[in-house]
Amino acid sequence: MSKETIKYDLEDRTAAFAKNVRDLVKKINKTISNVEDGKQVVKSSGSVGANYIEANEALSKKDFLMRIKICRKEAKESSFWLNLLDTGKENYIDKTRLSLIQEAKELTNIFGAILRKSE
């Protein structure tokens, strides 16, 4: 598998993560805390992919490493906000939330591995 193939697979994966988070936020009850936490998770989940795209267009190795660190940080933050969302008694919505938390953790690990291999 070429470097280009890997790059675009991760771009697609981070975009799908952000899109799936948005789909989840649309389904949860609109309590005061869910609205605020939902805004935060929408921002952080989108930032993962946006910063990965920026990393792929980096002007230097230092710039690349900084963007990947931001990707990792935003993936961790997404997991935090997902944990705070209240899905109520909707079991299927909670299963989705838990799978998104798992994806955030996997993305955190992927970006951590990229950092270790790049430094």
Protein backbone atom coordinates (compact mmCIF):
# COMPACT_ATOMS: atom_id res chain seq x y z
CA MET A 1 0.00 0.00 0.00
CA SER A 2 1.46 3.34 -1.01
CA LYS A 3 1.80 6.38 1.22
CA GLU A 4 -0.85 8.19 -0.84
CA THR A 5 -3.36 5.37 -0.32
CA ILE A 6 -2.81 5.43 3.45
CA LYS A 7 -3.12 9.23 3.54
CA TYR A 8 -6.46 9.27 1.79
CA ASP A 9 -7.81 6.34 3.80
CA LEU A 10 -7.17 8.26 7.02
CA GLU A 11 -8.63 11.44 5.53
CA ASP A 12 -11.78 9.48 4.70
CA ARG A 13 -11.83 7.86 8.12
CA THR A 14 -11.54 11.17 9.97
CA ALA A 15 -14.24 12.70 7.75
CA ALA A 16 -16.54 9.74 8.45
CA PHE A 17 -15.87 10.14 12.18
CA ALA A 18 -16.89 13.82 12.10
CA LYS A 19 -19.97 13.04 10.02
CA ASN A 20 -21.03 10.20 12.35
CA VAL A 21 -20.61 12.47 15.38
CA ARG A 22 -22.89 15.02 13.72
CA ASP A 23 -25.47 12.32 13.01
CA LEU A 24 -25.38 11.27 16.69
CA VAL A 25 -25.76 14.84 17.96
CA LYS A 26 -28.87 15.25 15.80
CA LYS A 27 -30.48 12.25 17.53
CA ILE A 28 -29.87 13.04 21.21
CA ASN A 29 -32.27 14.93 23.46
CA LYS A 30 -31.74 18.68 23.33
CA THR A 31 -31.12 19.30 27.03
CA ILE A 32 -29.01 22.30 28.02
CA SER A 33 -25.96 20.14 28.71
CA ASN A 34 -26.38 18.05 25.55
CA VAL A 35 -26.61 21.17 23.40
CA GLU A 36 -23.39 22.59 24.88
CA ASP A 37 -21.53 19.26 24.91
CA GLY A 38 -22.83 18.56 21.40
CA LYS A 39 -21.37 21.84 20.13
CA GLN A 40 -18.02 20.94 21.65
CA VAL A 41 -17.90 17.42 20.20
CA VAL A 42 -18.93 18.66 16.77
CA LYS A 43 -16.03 21.14 16.83
CA SER A 44 -13.41 18.71 18.13
CA SER A 45 -14.44 15.84 15.84
CA GLY A 46 -14.26 18.06 12.76
CA SER A 47 -10.91 19.43 13.87
CA VAL A 48 -9.38 15.95 13.80
CA GLY A 49 -9.86 15.62 10.04
CA ALA A 50 -9.22 19.28 9.22
CA ASN A 51 -5.86 19.18 10.98
CA TYR A 52 -4.95 15.90 9.32
CA ILE A 53 -5.53 17.53 5.93
CA GLU A 54 -3.34 20.43 7.09
CA ALA A 55 -0.65 17.96 8.19
CA ASN A 56 -0.61 16.45 4.71
CA GLU A 57 0.00 19.92 3.30
CA ALA A 58 2.62 20.81 5.91
CA LEU A 59 5.44 23.14 4.89
CA SER A 60 7.98 21.47 7.16
CA LYS A 61 8.46 18.43 9.36
CA LYS A 62 7.93 20.62 12.43
CA ASP A 63 4.61 21.85 10.99
CA PHE A 64 3.60 18.25 10.18
CA LEU A 65 4.38 17.06 13.73
CA MET A 66 2.47 19.95 15.29
CA ARG A 67 -0.63 19.22 13.16
CA ILE A 68 -0.51 15.52 14.04
CA LYS A 69 -0.25 16.44 17.73
CA ILE A 70 -3.34 18.60 17.31
CA CYS A 71 -5.13 15.69 15.61
CA ARG A 72 -4.32 13.46 18.57
CA LYS A 73 -5.41 16.13 21.06
CA GLU A 74 -8.71 16.74 19.26
CA ALA A 75 -9.43 12.99 19.05
CA LYS A 76 -8.89 12.74 22.83
CA GLU A 77 -11.12 15.75 23.37
CA SER A 78 -13.83 14.20 21.18
CA SER A 79 -13.79 11.11 23.37
CA PHE A 80 -14.21 13.31 26.46
CA TRP A 81 -17.25 15.15 25.06
CA LEU A 82 -18.81 11.93 23.75
CA ASN A 83 -18.56 10.50 27.27
CA LEU A 84 -20.54 13.46 28.60
CA LEU A 85 -23.44 13.22 26.14
CA ASP A 86 -26.65 11.92 27.70
CA THR A 87 -28.37 9.46 25.36
CA GLY A 88 -31.21 8.87 27.80
CA LYS A 89 -32.82 5.47 27.60
CA GLU A 90 -32.21 5.09 23.85
CA ASN A 91 -30.05 1.96 23.72
CA TYR A 92 -29.30 2.14 19.98
CA ILE A 93 -28.15 5.77 20.34
CA ASP A 94 -25.90 4.83 23.25
CA LYS A 95 -24.37 1.99 21.21
CA THR A 96 -23.55 4.54 18.53
CA ARG A 97 -22.03 6.86 21.13
CA LEU A 98 -19.89 4.03 22.52
CA SER A 99 -18.68 3.04 19.04
CA LEU A 100 -17.72 6.67 18.38
CA ILE A 101 -15.78 6.76 21.66
CA GLN A 102 -13.94 3.65 20.49
CA GLU A 103 -13.21 5.27 17.12
CA ALA A 104 -11.89 8.39 18.88
CA LYS A 105 -9.55 6.18 20.93
CA GLU A 106 -8.37 4.35 17.81
CA LEU A 107 -7.71 7.66 16.04
CA THR A 108 -5.80 8.86 19.11
CA ASN A 109 -3.64 5.72 18.92
CA ILE A 110 -3.10 6.09 15.17
CA PHE A 111 -1.92 9.68 15.53
CA GLY A 112 0.28 8.67 18.45
CA ALA A 113 1.88 5.98 16.27
CA ILE A 114 2.42 8.49 13.44
CA LEU A 115 4.17 10.80 15.93
CA ARG A 116 6.42 8.03 17.27
CA LYS A 117 7.44 6.99 13.76
CA SER A 118 7.97 10.56 12.57
CA GLU A 119 10.01 12.03 15.45
